[in-house]
Amino acid sequence: MCDYLPCSDAVVPIDRWIRFRLENIFVYPNKISVPPAKILLFVLAGLGFAAVLVLSLSTLVAPKAAAACPTFQPPQQMGTLDNAALKEVSGMAASRRHPGVLYVHNDGSEAGTLVYAITEQGDTLATYQLADVEPEDVEAIAVGPGPEQGMHYLYLGDIGSNEGRSSVEIYRVPEPEAQHQMKTQRVKDVTTLRLEYPDGKYDAEALMVDSNQDLYIVTKNGKTGESRVYRKAAAADSTELEHVATLNFGQGLLGESKAVTGGDISAQGTEAVLRTYHSAFLWRRAQGKTWAATFADPLALCSVPTAPLEWDGYEAIAFDHTGMHYYDTYEERSSGAPVNRYDRSE
């Protein structure tokens, strides 16, 4: 008589063996003489095996959890903007082609077509004017990948309007080669992306480019604090933006200021930062997660430092090309605004 295995020398499949044992124990208990203690031990071992199997499978299919919140040092003023024309800086982006170079611009229509390349100390290196465009209100700039592999592009966002707008325009140009130009350089190789909101009119001041070329626009509402996140997937032919998340500033973890004035996604595509007039917040994207899921996850949200300012002026923020620190600056009409850098402590 075989008490523990079928009477055969053949290899028995694991599912058949488990079924055989369970039937012997629970269906035909009087056919075998197994002490109750051994039966209990067998059941507990089976439960333990099942738990290990479930946990192992979950680690294979579930996205990895986001890392702990990074810590940053207090702001270090690197310098001040030396160009008297930079009085209403609304956007900032770090060059991927020229490490240490930042791009900034004023807000508005005609002034918004001018992009200034500066050092982190605030010294102007070059000025570029986008040719043959007539923006309504340029409010943001970003740097990221584009249609040509290995190239880096500037994205200038004509996305602002105090009254709200149902469509926006994004101007895309390859990152300039030269950075030391005395005269303003006209940039003619401009691609205009015309995009429409699917559900209304909005004001916006934050434009971000993901590492996969997807564009993100975050709307601004200084009254309610509701900011809607819209995506233009790089692979999508449609010009209609997709609403992927809603963030409620001025309450809960996103307390203090309500109006989103700038944002950036790191070159590595792992972190996003959004700022308001008085605060800044960072989201950590876990491997395998979308930005939509990340913005919806409160565990992915971190508060990061900003320089104190008594009035509503901070509108520009940008990661450096390594993602290890970020910069910001603000509107300053009377004198040169500071360029602040926040170094990661880790």
C-alpha atoms as a PDB file:
ATOM      1  CA  MET A   1       0.000   0.000   0.000  1.00  0.00           C
ATOM      2  CA  CYS A   2       1.290   3.455  -0.883  1.00  0.00           C
ATOM      3  CA  ASP A   3       0.419   6.007   1.828  1.00  0.00           C
ATOM      4  CA  TYR A   4       2.105   9.122   0.422  1.00  0.00           C
ATOM      5  CA  LEU A   5       2.462   8.655  -3.367  1.00  0.00           C
ATOM      6  CA  PRO A   6       0.654   6.737  -6.092  1.00  0.00           C
ATOM      7  CA  CYS A   7       2.104   3.220  -6.457  1.00  0.00           C
ATOM      8  CA  SER A   8       4.313   3.936  -9.466  1.00  0.00           C
ATOM      9  CA  ASP A   9       7.937   4.692 -10.192  1.00  0.00           C
ATOM     10  CA  ALA A  10       6.944   7.274 -12.806  1.00  0.00           C
ATOM     11  CA  VAL A  11       7.410  11.004 -12.194  1.00  0.00           C
ATOM     12  CA  VAL A  12       4.123  12.479 -10.986  1.00  0.00           C
ATOM     13  CA  PRO A  13       3.109  16.026 -12.086  1.00  0.00           C
ATOM     14  CA  ILE A  14       2.878  18.438  -9.148  1.00  0.00           C
ATOM     15  CA  ASP A  15      -0.807  19.243  -9.711  1.00  0.00           C
ATOM     16  CA  ARG A  16      -1.713  15.542  -9.775  1.00  0.00           C
ATOM     17  CA  TRP A  17       0.331  14.905  -6.626  1.00  0.00           C
ATOM     18  CA  ILE A  18      -1.373  17.744  -4.746  1.00  0.00           C
ATOM     19  CA  ARG A  19      -4.817  16.575  -5.864  1.00  0.00           C
ATOM     20  CA  PHE A  20      -3.978  13.016  -4.801  1.00  0.00           C
ATOM     21  CA  ARG A  21      -2.877  14.086  -1.344  1.00  0.00           C
ATOM     22  CA  LEU A  22      -5.866  16.379  -0.774  1.00  0.00           C
ATOM     23  CA  GLU A  23      -8.312  13.661  -1.847  1.00  0.00           C
ATOM     24  CA  ASN A  24      -6.697  11.151   0.497  1.00  0.00           C
ATOM     25  CA  ILE A  25      -6.772  13.545   3.409  1.00  0.00           C
ATOM     26  CA  PHE A  26     -10.160  15.197   3.032  1.00  0.00           C
ATOM     27  CA  VAL A  27     -12.262  12.883   0.814  1.00  0.00           C
ATOM     28  CA  TYR A  28     -11.063   9.431   1.859  1.00  0.00           C
ATOM     29  CA  PRO A  29      -9.510   9.997   5.292  1.00  0.00           C
ATOM     30  CA  ASN A  30     -10.171   6.417   6.451  1.00  0.00           C
ATOM     31  CA  LYS A  31      -8.135   4.917   3.575  1.00  0.00           C
ATOM     32  CA  ILE A  32      -4.822   6.125   4.977  1.00  0.00           C
ATOM     33  CA  SER A  33      -3.331   6.157   8.405  1.00  0.00           C
ATOM     34  CA  VAL A  34      -1.733   9.588   8.681  1.00  0.00           C
ATOM     35  CA  PRO A  35      -1.432  11.177  12.118  1.00  0.00           C
ATOM     36  CA  PRO A  36      -3.488  14.414  12.483  1.00  0.00           C
ATOM     37  CA  ALA A  37      -0.318  16.362  13.243  1.00  0.00           C
ATOM     38  CA  LYS A  38       1.148  15.381   9.866  1.00  0.00           C
ATOM     39  CA  ILE A  39      -2.086  16.355   8.118  1.00  0.00           C
ATOM     40  CA  LEU A  40      -1.972  19.800   9.729  1.00  0.00           C
ATOM     41  CA  LEU A  41       1.690  20.157   8.829  1.00  0.00           C
ATOM     42  CA  PHE A  42       0.946  19.246   5.225  1.00  0.00           C
ATOM     43  CA  VAL A  43      -1.890  21.790   4.999  1.00  0.00           C
ATOM     44  CA  LEU A  44       0.248  24.563   6.499  1.00  0.00           C
ATOM     45  CA  ALA A  45       3.095  23.759   4.124  1.00  0.00           C
ATOM     46  CA  GLY A  46       0.716  23.917   1.183  1.00  0.00           C
ATOM     47  CA  LEU A  47      -0.614  27.297   2.270  1.00  0.00           C
ATOM     48  CA  GLY A  48       2.917  28.612   2.654  1.00  0.00           C
ATOM     49  CA  PHE A  49       3.845  27.391  -0.818  1.00  0.00           C
ATOM     50  CA  ALA A  50       0.774  29.100  -2.288  1.00  0.00           C
ATOM     51  CA  ALA A  51       1.618  32.384  -0.535  1.00  0.00           C
ATOM     52  CA  VAL A  52       5.191  32.348  -1.852  1.00  0.00           C
ATOM     53  CA  LEU A  53       3.902  31.593  -5.356  1.00  0.00           C
ATOM     54  CA  VAL A  54       1.426  34.502  -5.271  1.00  0.00           C
ATOM     55  CA  LEU A  55       4.068  36.941  -4.011  1.00  0.00           C
ATOM     56  CA  SER A  56       6.546  35.815  -6.652  1.00  0.00           C
ATOM     57  CA  LEU A  57       4.032  36.276  -9.454  1.00  0.00           C
ATOM     58  CA  SER A  58       3.009  39.722  -8.147  1.00  0.00           C
ATOM     59  CA  THR A  59       6.603  40.949  -8.311  1.00  0.00           C
ATOM     60  CA  LEU A  60       6.769  39.866 -11.920  1.00  0.00           C
ATOM     61  CA  VAL A  61       3.637  41.652 -13.131  1.00  0.00           C
ATOM     62  CA  ALA A  62       3.247  44.652 -10.794  1.00  0.00           C
ATOM     63  CA  PRO A  63       5.089  47.969 -11.405  1.00  0.00           C
ATOM     64  CA  LYS A  64       7.921  48.650  -9.034  1.00  0.00           C
ATOM     65  CA  ALA A  65       7.092  50.994  -6.181  1.00  0.00           C
ATOM     66  CA  ALA A  66       8.432  54.527  -6.343  1.00  0.00           C
ATOM     67  CA  ALA A  67      11.601  55.235  -4.388  1.00  0.00           C
ATOM     68  CA  ALA A  68      11.632  57.331  -1.256  1.00  0.00           C
ATOM     69  CA  CYS A  69      11.287  61.094  -1.650  1.00  0.00           C
ATOM     70  CA  PRO A  70      14.552  62.731  -2.679  1.00  0.00           C
ATOM     71  CA  THR A  71      15.939  65.531  -0.564  1.00  0.00           C
ATOM     72  CA  PHE A  72      17.354  68.774  -1.922  1.00  0.00           C
ATOM     73  CA  GLN A  73      19.536  71.434  -0.382  1.00  0.00           C
ATOM     74  CA  PRO A  74      18.148  74.934   0.173  1.00  0.00           C
ATOM     75  CA  PRO A  75      18.443  77.249  -2.840  1.00  0.00           C
ATOM     76  CA  GLN A  76      21.867  78.441  -3.843  1.00  0.00           C
ATOM     77  CA  GLN A  77      21.814  81.682  -5.815  1.00  0.00           C
ATOM     78  CA  MET A  78      24.159  81.122  -8.742  1.00  0.00           C
ATOM     79  CA  GLY A  79      23.842  84.665 -10.137  1.00  0.00           C
ATOM     80  CA  THR A  80      21.351  87.124 -11.570  1.00  0.00           C
ATOM     81  CA  LEU A  81      19.960  87.610 -15.052  1.00  0.00           C
ATOM     82  CA  ASP A  82      22.252  90.170 -16.693  1.00  0.00           C
ATOM     83  CA  ASN A  83      19.944  91.022 -19.610  1.00  0.00           C
ATOM     84  CA  ALA A  84      17.649  93.981 -18.925  1.00  0.00           C
ATOM     85  CA  ALA A  85      15.162  92.556 -21.428  1.00  0.00           C
ATOM     86  CA  LEU A  86      14.471  89.571 -19.153  1.00  0.00           C
ATOM     87  CA  LYS A  87      11.900  91.226 -16.908  1.00  0.00           C
ATOM     88  CA  GLU A  88       9.011  88.764 -17.175  1.00  0.00           C
ATOM     89  CA  VAL A  89      10.657  85.359 -17.332  1.00  0.00           C
ATOM     90  CA  SER A  90       7.909  82.762 -17.594  1.00  0.00           C
ATOM     91  CA  GLY A  91       9.739  79.645 -18.708  1.00  0.00           C
ATOM     92  CA  MET A  92      13.045  77.861 -18.232  1.00  0.00           C
ATOM     93  CA  ALA A  93      14.588  74.691 -19.670  1.00  0.00           C
ATOM     94  CA  ALA A  94      18.038  73.120 -19.432  1.00  0.00           C
ATOM     95  CA  SER A  95      19.978  72.333 -22.589  1.00  0.00           C
ATOM     96  CA  ARG A  96      20.646  68.667 -23.365  1.00  0.00           C
ATOM     97  CA  ARG A  97      23.191  69.553 -26.030  1.00  0.00           C
ATOM     98  CA  HIS A  98      25.199  72.100 -24.040  1.00  0.00           C
ATOM     99  CA  PRO A  99      25.499  71.094 -20.348  1.00  0.00           C
ATOM    100  CA  GLY A 100      25.286  74.096 -18.052  1.00  0.00           C
ATOM    101  CA  VAL A 101      23.265  76.196 -20.503  1.00  0.00           C
ATOM    102  CA  LEU A 102      19.710  77.256 -19.691  1.00  0.00           C
ATOM    103  CA  TYR A 103      17.011  78.618 -21.994  1.00  0.00           C
ATOM    104  CA  VAL A 104      14.612  81.292 -20.726  1.00  0.00           C
ATOM    105  CA  HIS A 105      11.972  83.525 -22.275  1.00  0.00           C
ATOM    106  CA  ASN A 106       9.554  86.308 -21.351  1.00  0.00           C
ATOM    107  CA  ASP A 107       5.836  85.741 -21.514  1.00  0.00           C
ATOM    108  CA  GLY A 108       3.545  87.426 -24.003  1.00  0.00           C
ATOM    109  CA  SER A 109       3.148  87.482 -27.755  1.00  0.00           C
ATOM    110  CA  GLU A 110       6.010  89.139 -29.636  1.00  0.00           C
ATOM    111  CA  ALA A 111       8.384  88.972 -26.651  1.00  0.00           C
ATOM    112  CA  GLY A 112       7.608  85.273 -26.349  1.00  0.00           C
ATOM    113  CA  THR A 113       9.216  84.510 -29.706  1.00  0.00           C
ATOM    114  CA  LEU A 114      12.643  85.367 -28.269  1.00  0.00           C
ATOM    115  CA  VAL A 115      14.584  82.594 -26.519  1.00  0.00           C
ATOM    116  CA  TYR A 116      17.684  83.476 -24.503  1.00  0.00           C
ATOM    117  CA  ALA A 117      20.518  81.047 -23.858  1.00  0.00           C
ATOM    118  CA  ILE A 118      22.148  81.845 -20.511  1.00  0.00           C
ATOM    119  CA  THR A 119      24.672  80.376 -18.112  1.00  0.00           C
ATOM    120  CA  GLU A 120      23.564  79.244 -14.675  1.00  0.00           C
ATOM    121  CA  GLN A 121      25.119  82.469 -13.423  1.00  0.00           C
ATOM    122  CA  GLY A 122      22.595  84.411 -15.519  1.00  0.00           C
ATOM    123  CA  ASP A 123      24.971  85.660 -18.230  1.00  0.00           C
ATOM    124  CA  THR A 124      23.414  85.851 -21.700  1.00  0.00           C
ATOM    125  CA  LEU A 125      25.159  83.716 -24.319  1.00  0.00           C
ATOM    126  CA  ALA A 126      22.828  84.115 -27.294  1.00  0.00           C
ATOM    127  CA  THR A 127      19.358  85.246 -28.346  1.00  0.00           C
ATOM    128  CA  TYR A 128      17.192  83.360 -30.829  1.00  0.00           C
ATOM    129  CA  GLN A 129      14.017  84.616 -32.474  1.00  0.00           C
ATOM    130  CA  LEU A 130      11.526  82.174 -33.938  1.00  0.00           C
ATOM    131  CA  ALA A 131      10.644  83.343 -37.433  1.00  0.00           C
ATOM    132  CA  ASP A 132       7.201  83.387 -39.041  1.00  0.00           C
ATOM    133  CA  VAL A 133       5.160  82.671 -35.917  1.00  0.00           C
ATOM    134  CA  GLU A 134       2.494  84.871 -34.325  1.00  0.00           C
ATOM    135  CA  PRO A 135       1.808  83.555 -30.828  1.00  0.00           C
ATOM    136  CA  GLU A 136      -0.994  84.696 -28.565  1.00  0.00           C
ATOM    137  CA  ASP A 137       0.710  84.174 -25.203  1.00  0.00           C
ATOM    138  CA  VAL A 138       3.928  82.160 -24.829  1.00  0.00           C
ATOM    139  CA  GLU A 139       4.186  80.876 -21.263  1.00  0.00           C
ATOM    140  CA  ALA A 140       6.467  77.834 -21.217  1.00  0.00           C
ATOM    141  CA  ILE A 141       9.521  76.182 -22.714  1.00  0.00           C
ATOM    142  CA  ALA A 142      10.847  72.630 -22.586  1.00  0.00           C
ATOM    143  CA  VAL A 143      13.702  70.594 -24.021  1.00  0.00           C
ATOM    144  CA  GLY A 144      13.342  66.985 -25.099  1.00  0.00           C
ATOM    145  CA  PRO A 145      13.584  64.425 -27.876  1.00  0.00           C
ATOM    146  CA  GLY A 146      11.842  64.822 -31.187  1.00  0.00           C
ATOM    147  CA  PRO A 147      11.266  63.233 -34.563  1.00  0.00           C
ATOM    148  CA  GLU A 148      14.939  62.707 -35.430  1.00  0.00           C
ATOM    149  CA  GLN A 149      16.717  60.091 -33.361  1.00  0.00           C
ATOM    150  CA  GLY A 150      19.572  61.479 -31.276  1.00  0.00           C
ATOM    151  CA  MET A 151      18.508  65.111 -31.750  1.00  0.00           C
ATOM    152  CA  HIS A 152      17.401  67.470 -28.987  1.00  0.00           C
ATOM    153  CA  TYR A 153      14.619  70.004 -29.533  1.00  0.00           C
ATOM    154  CA  LEU A 154      13.276  73.174 -27.969  1.00  0.00           C
ATOM    155  CA  TYR A 155       9.513  73.293 -27.416  1.00  0.00           C
ATOM    156  CA  LEU A 156       8.029  76.759 -26.916  1.00  0.00           C
ATOM    157  CA  GLY A 157       4.483  76.717 -25.564  1.00  0.00           C
ATOM    158  CA  ASP A 158       1.948  79.276 -26.795  1.00  0.00           C
ATOM    159  CA  ILE A 159      -0.510  77.991 -24.197  1.00  0.00           C
ATOM    160  CA  GLY A 160      -1.490  80.984 -22.041  1.00  0.00           C
ATOM    161  CA  SER A 161      -4.681  83.032 -21.873  1.00  0.00           C
ATOM    162  CA  ASN A 162      -6.328  84.656 -18.875  1.00  0.00           C
ATOM    163  CA  GLU A 163      -9.706  84.084 -20.512  1.00  0.00           C
ATOM    164  CA  GLY A 164      -8.896  80.505 -21.481  1.00  0.00           C
ATOM    165  CA  ARG A 165      -8.477  79.041 -24.953  1.00  0.00           C
ATOM    166  CA  SER A 166      -9.732  75.912 -26.668  1.00  0.00           C
ATOM    167  CA  SER A 167      -6.563  75.323 -28.702  1.00  0.00           C
ATOM    168  CA  VAL A 168      -2.845  75.891 -28.237  1.00  0.00           C
ATOM    169  CA  GLU A 169       0.296  75.948 -30.374  1.00  0.00           C
ATOM    170  CA  ILE A 170       3.652  74.361 -29.599  1.00  0.00           C
ATOM    171  CA  TYR A 171       6.672  75.561 -31.596  1.00  0.00           C
ATOM    172  CA  ARG A 172       9.407  72.957 -32.022  1.00  0.00           C
ATOM    173  CA  VAL A 173      12.938  73.716 -33.235  1.00  0.00           C
ATOM    174  CA  PRO A 174      16.197  71.752 -33.058  1.00  0.00           C
ATOM    175  CA  GLU A 175      18.494  72.884 -30.276  1.00  0.00           C
ATOM    176  CA  PRO A 176      20.898  75.519 -31.660  1.00  0.00           C
ATOM    177  CA  GLU A 177      24.512  74.554 -32.267  1.00  0.00           C
ATOM    178  CA  ALA A 178      26.281  77.806 -31.410  1.00  0.00           C
ATOM    179  CA  GLN A 179      25.819  79.380 -27.990  1.00  0.00           C
ATOM    180  CA  HIS A 180      27.988  82.492 -28.260  1.00  0.00           C
ATOM    181  CA  GLN A 181      26.284  84.938 -30.623  1.00  0.00           C
ATOM    182  CA  MET A 182      26.306  88.704 -30.216  1.00  0.00           C
ATOM    183  CA  LYS A 183      23.424  89.335 -32.610  1.00  0.00           C
ATOM    184  CA  THR A 184      19.933  87.904 -32.398  1.00  0.00           C
ATOM    185  CA  GLN A 185      19.719  84.790 -34.563  1.00  0.00           C
ATOM    186  CA  ARG A 186      16.543  84.139 -36.561  1.00  0.00           C
ATOM    187  CA  VAL A 187      15.432  80.517 -36.399  1.00  0.00           C
ATOM    188  CA  LYS A 188      13.504  79.491 -39.494  1.00  0.00           C
ATOM    189  CA  ASP A 189      13.256  75.728 -39.031  1.00  0.00           C
ATOM    190  CA  VAL A 190      10.105  75.949 -36.879  1.00  0.00           C
ATOM    191  CA  THR A 191       7.466  73.218 -36.710  1.00  0.00           C
ATOM    192  CA  THR A 192       4.091  74.323 -35.323  1.00  0.00           C
ATOM    193  CA  LEU A 193       1.972  71.759 -33.487  1.00  0.00           C
ATOM    194  CA  ARG A 194      -1.658  72.894 -33.192  1.00  0.00           C
ATOM    195  CA  LEU A 195      -3.513  71.037 -30.445  1.00  0.00           C
ATOM    196  CA  GLU A 196      -7.086  71.223 -29.130  1.00  0.00           C
ATOM    197  CA  TYR A 197      -8.533  70.621 -25.691  1.00  0.00           C
ATOM    198  CA  PRO A 198     -11.339  68.037 -25.825  1.00  0.00           C
ATOM    199  CA  ASP A 199     -13.541  69.570 -23.153  1.00  0.00           C
ATOM    200  CA  GLY A 200     -13.313  73.340 -22.836  1.00  0.00           C
ATOM    201  CA  LYS A 201     -11.110  76.415 -22.628  1.00  0.00           C
ATOM    202  CA  TYR A 202      -8.092  76.647 -20.323  1.00  0.00           C
ATOM    203  CA  ASP A 203      -5.181  78.819 -19.313  1.00  0.00           C
ATOM    204  CA  ALA A 204      -1.842  77.039 -18.910  1.00  0.00           C
ATOM    205  CA  GLU A 205       1.764  77.854 -18.052  1.00  0.00           C
ATOM    206  CA  ALA A 206       3.377  74.400 -17.728  1.00  0.00           C
ATOM    207  CA  LEU A 207       4.657  72.410 -20.707  1.00  0.00           C
ATOM    208  CA  MET A 208       6.662  69.197 -20.277  1.00  0.00           C
ATOM    209  CA  VAL A 209       8.245  66.709 -22.686  1.00  0.00           C
ATOM    210  CA  ASP A 210       8.671  63.088 -21.658  1.00  0.00           C
ATOM    211  CA  SER A 211      11.625  60.915 -22.650  1.00  0.00           C
ATOM    212  CA  ASN A 212       9.358  59.131 -25.183  1.00  0.00           C
ATOM    213  CA  GLN A 213       8.445  62.471 -26.890  1.00  0.00           C
ATOM    214  CA  ASP A 214       4.963  62.683 -25.355  1.00  0.00           C
ATOM    215  CA  LEU A 215       3.941  66.280 -24.564  1.00  0.00           C
ATOM    216  CA  TYR A 216       2.152  67.259 -21.357  1.00  0.00           C
ATOM    217  CA  ILE A 217       0.301  70.503 -20.632  1.00  0.00           C
ATOM    218  CA  VAL A 218      -0.840  71.317 -17.096  1.00  0.00           C
ATOM    219  CA  THR A 219      -3.581  73.926 -16.859  1.00  0.00           C
ATOM    220  CA  LYS A 220      -3.710  76.807 -14.368  1.00  0.00           C
ATOM    221  CA  ASN A 221      -6.654  77.906 -12.232  1.00  0.00           C
ATOM    222  CA  GLY A 222      -5.760  80.354  -9.490  1.00  0.00           C
ATOM    223  CA  LYS A 223      -9.347  80.425  -8.160  1.00  0.00           C
ATOM    224  CA  THR A 224     -10.176  76.749  -7.660  1.00  0.00           C
ATOM    225  CA  GLY A 225      -6.691  75.218  -7.773  1.00  0.00           C
ATOM    226  CA  GLU A 226      -7.872  72.533 -10.189  1.00  0.00           C
ATOM    227  CA  SER A 227      -5.128  71.761 -12.703  1.00  0.00           C
ATOM    228  CA  ARG A 228      -5.885  69.331 -15.493  1.00  0.00           C
ATOM    229  CA  VAL A 229      -3.082  67.343 -17.092  1.00  0.00           C
ATOM    230  CA  TYR A 230      -3.344  66.792 -20.846  1.00  0.00           C
ATOM    231  CA  ARG A 231      -1.174  64.591 -23.027  1.00  0.00           C
ATOM    232  CA  LYS A 232      -0.277  64.625 -26.707  1.00  0.00           C
ATOM    233  CA  ALA A 233       1.099  61.164 -27.393  1.00  0.00           C
ATOM    234  CA  ALA A 234       3.997  61.267 -29.842  1.00  0.00           C
ATOM    235  CA  ALA A 235       2.587  58.290 -31.735  1.00  0.00           C
ATOM    236  CA  ALA A 236      -0.934  59.738 -32.025  1.00  0.00           C
ATOM    237  CA  ASP A 237      -2.013  61.345 -35.291  1.00  0.00           C
ATOM    238  CA  SER A 238      -4.888  63.221 -33.660  1.00  0.00           C
ATOM    239  CA  THR A 239      -4.442  66.868 -32.699  1.00  0.00           C
ATOM    240  CA  GLU A 240      -6.861  66.443 -29.780  1.00  0.00           C
ATOM    241  CA  LEU A 241      -5.233  66.431 -26.368  1.00  0.00           C
ATOM    242  CA  GLU A 242      -6.033  63.595 -23.970  1.00  0.00           C
ATOM    243  CA  HIS A 243      -7.048  64.397 -20.398  1.00  0.00           C
ATOM    244  CA  VAL A 244      -5.028  61.995 -18.209  1.00  0.00           C
ATOM    245  CA  ALA A 245      -5.091  63.433 -14.672  1.00  0.00           C
ATOM    246  CA  THR A 246      -6.490  66.153 -12.424  1.00  0.00           C
ATOM    247  CA  LEU A 247      -4.493  67.752  -9.609  1.00  0.00           C
ATOM    248  CA  ASN A 248      -6.090  69.916  -6.919  1.00  0.00           C
ATOM    249  CA  PHE A 249      -3.624  72.535  -5.738  1.00  0.00           C
ATOM    250  CA  GLY A 250      -4.229  74.562  -2.618  1.00  0.00           C
ATOM    251  CA  GLN A 251      -5.513  71.620  -0.597  1.00  0.00           C
ATOM    252  CA  GLY A 252      -4.191  68.467   1.067  1.00  0.00           C
ATOM    253  CA  LEU A 253      -0.695  67.462   0.049  1.00  0.00           C
ATOM    254  CA  LEU A 254      -0.762  70.179  -2.627  1.00  0.00           C
ATOM    255  CA  GLY A 255      -1.440  72.954  -0.154  1.00  0.00           C
ATOM    256  CA  GLU A 256      -0.558  76.655  -0.265  1.00  0.00           C
ATOM    257  CA  SER A 257      -0.641  78.216  -3.765  1.00  0.00           C
ATOM    258  CA  LYS A 258      -3.327  77.218  -6.260  1.00  0.00           C
ATOM    259  CA  ALA A 259      -1.900  78.394  -9.594  1.00  0.00           C
ATOM    260  CA  VAL A 260       0.536  76.133 -11.493  1.00  0.00           C
ATOM    261  CA  THR A 261       3.122  78.343 -13.190  1.00  0.00           C
ATOM    262  CA  GLY A 262       5.751  75.949 -14.542  1.00  0.00           C
ATOM    263  CA  GLY A 263       6.923  72.365 -14.783  1.00  0.00           C
ATOM    264  CA  ASP A 264       9.442  69.932 -16.203  1.00  0.00           C
ATOM    265  CA  ILE A 265      10.092  66.209 -16.675  1.00  0.00           C
ATOM    266  CA  SER A 266      13.641  65.004 -16.117  1.00  0.00           C
ATOM    267  CA  ALA A 267      15.666  63.851 -19.117  1.00  0.00           C
ATOM    268  CA  GLN A 268      15.574  60.349 -17.655  1.00  0.00           C
ATOM    269  CA  GLY A 269      11.751  60.396 -17.565  1.00  0.00           C
ATOM    270  CA  THR A 270      11.634  59.325 -13.915  1.00  0.00           C
ATOM    271  CA  GLU A 271      10.613  62.557 -12.169  1.00  0.00           C
ATOM    272  CA  ALA A 272       8.307  65.482 -12.849  1.00  0.00           C
ATOM    273  CA  VAL A 273       8.267  68.801 -11.036  1.00  0.00           C
ATOM    274  CA  LEU A 274       5.477  71.370 -10.961  1.00  0.00           C
ATOM    275  CA  ARG A 275       5.651  74.725  -9.262  1.00  0.00           C
ATOM    276  CA  THR A 276       3.199  77.330  -8.097  1.00  0.00           C
ATOM    277  CA  TYR A 277       3.983  80.911  -7.122  1.00  0.00           C
ATOM    278  CA  HIS A 278       5.175  79.838  -3.674  1.00  0.00           C
ATOM    279  CA  SER A 279       5.701  76.048  -3.700  1.00  0.00           C
ATOM    280  CA  ALA A 280       7.145  73.206  -5.752  1.00  0.00           C
ATOM    281  CA  PHE A 281       6.186  69.528  -5.897  1.00  0.00           C
ATOM    282  CA  LEU A 282       7.906  66.485  -7.369  1.00  0.00           C
ATOM    283  CA  TRP A 283       6.429  63.185  -8.557  1.00  0.00           C
ATOM    284  CA  ARG A 284       8.537  60.009  -8.812  1.00  0.00           C
ATOM    285  CA  ARG A 285       7.500  57.627 -11.576  1.00  0.00           C
ATOM    286  CA  ALA A 286       8.115  53.956 -10.804  1.00  0.00           C
ATOM    287  CA  GLN A 287       9.309  51.653 -13.544  1.00  0.00           C
ATOM    288  CA  GLY A 288       6.414  50.476 -15.685  1.00  0.00           C
ATOM    289  CA  LYS A 289       4.048  53.225 -14.537  1.00  0.00           C
ATOM    290  CA  THR A 290       2.437  55.917 -16.678  1.00  0.00           C
ATOM    291  CA  TRP A 291       2.419  59.579 -15.730  1.00  0.00           C
ATOM    292  CA  ALA A 292      -1.361  59.365 -15.432  1.00  0.00           C
ATOM    293  CA  ALA A 293      -1.029  56.683 -12.750  1.00  0.00           C
ATOM    294  CA  THR A 294       1.850  58.534 -11.111  1.00  0.00           C
ATOM    295  CA  PHE A 295      -0.059  61.806 -10.750  1.00  0.00           C
ATOM    296  CA  ALA A 296      -2.961  59.846  -9.233  1.00  0.00           C
ATOM    297  CA  ASP A 297      -0.737  58.144  -6.649  1.00  0.00           C
ATOM    298  CA  PRO A 298      -0.300  60.168  -3.421  1.00  0.00           C
ATOM    299  CA  LEU A 299       2.711  58.024  -2.491  1.00  0.00           C
ATOM    300  CA  ALA A 300       4.547  59.311  -5.565  1.00  0.00           C
ATOM    301  CA  LEU A 301       4.232  62.950  -4.460  1.00  0.00           C
ATOM    302  CA  CYS A 302       6.993  64.876  -2.675  1.00  0.00           C
ATOM    303  CA  SER A 303       7.344  68.490  -1.592  1.00  0.00           C
ATOM    304  CA  VAL A 304      10.635  70.123  -2.607  1.00  0.00           C
ATOM    305  CA  PRO A 305      12.160  73.434  -1.499  1.00  0.00           C
ATOM    306  CA  THR A 306      11.758  76.804  -3.176  1.00  0.00           C
ATOM    307  CA  ALA A 307      13.223  80.191  -2.416  1.00  0.00           C
ATOM    308  CA  PRO A 308      10.958  82.449  -0.346  1.00  0.00           C
ATOM    309  CA  LEU A 309       9.240  85.281  -2.159  1.00  0.00           C
ATOM    310  CA  GLU A 310       6.644  87.645  -0.729  1.00  0.00           C
ATOM    311  CA  TRP A 311       4.895  88.340  -4.023  1.00  0.00           C
ATOM    312  CA  ASP A 312       3.568  86.099  -6.803  1.00  0.00           C
ATOM    313  CA  GLY A 313       6.510  85.956  -9.154  1.00  0.00           C
ATOM    314  CA  TYR A 314       7.961  82.446  -9.488  1.00  0.00           C
ATOM    315  CA  GLU A 315       6.976  80.977 -12.835  1.00  0.00           C
ATOM    316  CA  ALA A 316      10.025  79.110 -14.177  1.00  0.00           C
ATOM    317  CA  ILE A 317      11.516  75.788 -13.063  1.00  0.00           C
ATOM    318  CA  ALA A 318      13.678  73.176 -14.807  1.00  0.00           C
ATOM    319  CA  PHE A 319      15.722  70.064 -14.094  1.00  0.00           C
ATOM    320  CA  ASP A 320      19.344  70.097 -15.248  1.00  0.00           C
ATOM    321  CA  HIS A 321      20.309  67.580 -17.947  1.00  0.00           C
ATOM    322  CA  THR A 322      21.379  64.972 -15.350  1.00  0.00           C
ATOM    323  CA  GLY A 323      18.206  65.244 -13.271  1.00  0.00           C
ATOM    324  CA  MET A 324      20.325  65.666 -10.150  1.00  0.00           C
ATOM    325  CA  HIS A 325      19.286  69.238  -9.415  1.00  0.00           C
ATOM    326  CA  TYR A 326      16.839  71.879 -10.585  1.00  0.00           C
ATOM    327  CA  TYR A 327      16.759  75.631 -11.204  1.00  0.00           C
ATOM    328  CA  ASP A 328      14.179  78.356 -10.863  1.00  0.00           C
ATOM    329  CA  THR A 329      13.793  82.093 -11.343  1.00  0.00           C
ATOM    330  CA  TYR A 330      10.994  84.640 -11.326  1.00  0.00           C
ATOM    331  CA  GLU A 331       9.636  87.813 -12.865  1.00  0.00           C
ATOM    332  CA  GLU A 332      11.558  90.876 -11.753  1.00  0.00           C
ATOM    333  CA  ARG A 333      10.802  94.148 -13.504  1.00  0.00           C
ATOM    334  CA  SER A 334      13.108  96.466 -11.527  1.00  0.00           C
ATOM    335  CA  SER A 335      16.401  94.528 -11.468  1.00  0.00           C
ATOM    336  CA  GLY A 336      17.927  91.225 -12.512  1.00  0.00           C
ATOM    337  CA  ALA A 337      16.138  88.190 -11.087  1.00  0.00           C
ATOM    338  CA  PRO A 338      18.238  85.555  -9.341  1.00  0.00           C
ATOM    339  CA  VAL A 339      19.005  82.135 -10.822  1.00  0.00           C
ATOM    340  CA  ASN A 340      18.626  79.590  -8.017  1.00  0.00           C
ATOM    341  CA  ARG A 341      19.953  76.027  -8.027  1.00  0.00           C
ATOM    342  CA  TYR A 342      18.756  73.218  -5.747  1.00  0.00           C
ATOM    343  CA  ASP A 343      21.265  70.374  -5.351  1.00  0.00           C
ATOM    344  CA  ARG A 344      20.112  66.865  -4.556  1.00  0.00           C
ATOM    345  CA  SER A 345      21.370  65.657  -1.186  1.00  0.00           C
ATOM    346  CA  GLU A 346      21.402  61.943  -2.042  1.00  0.00           C
END
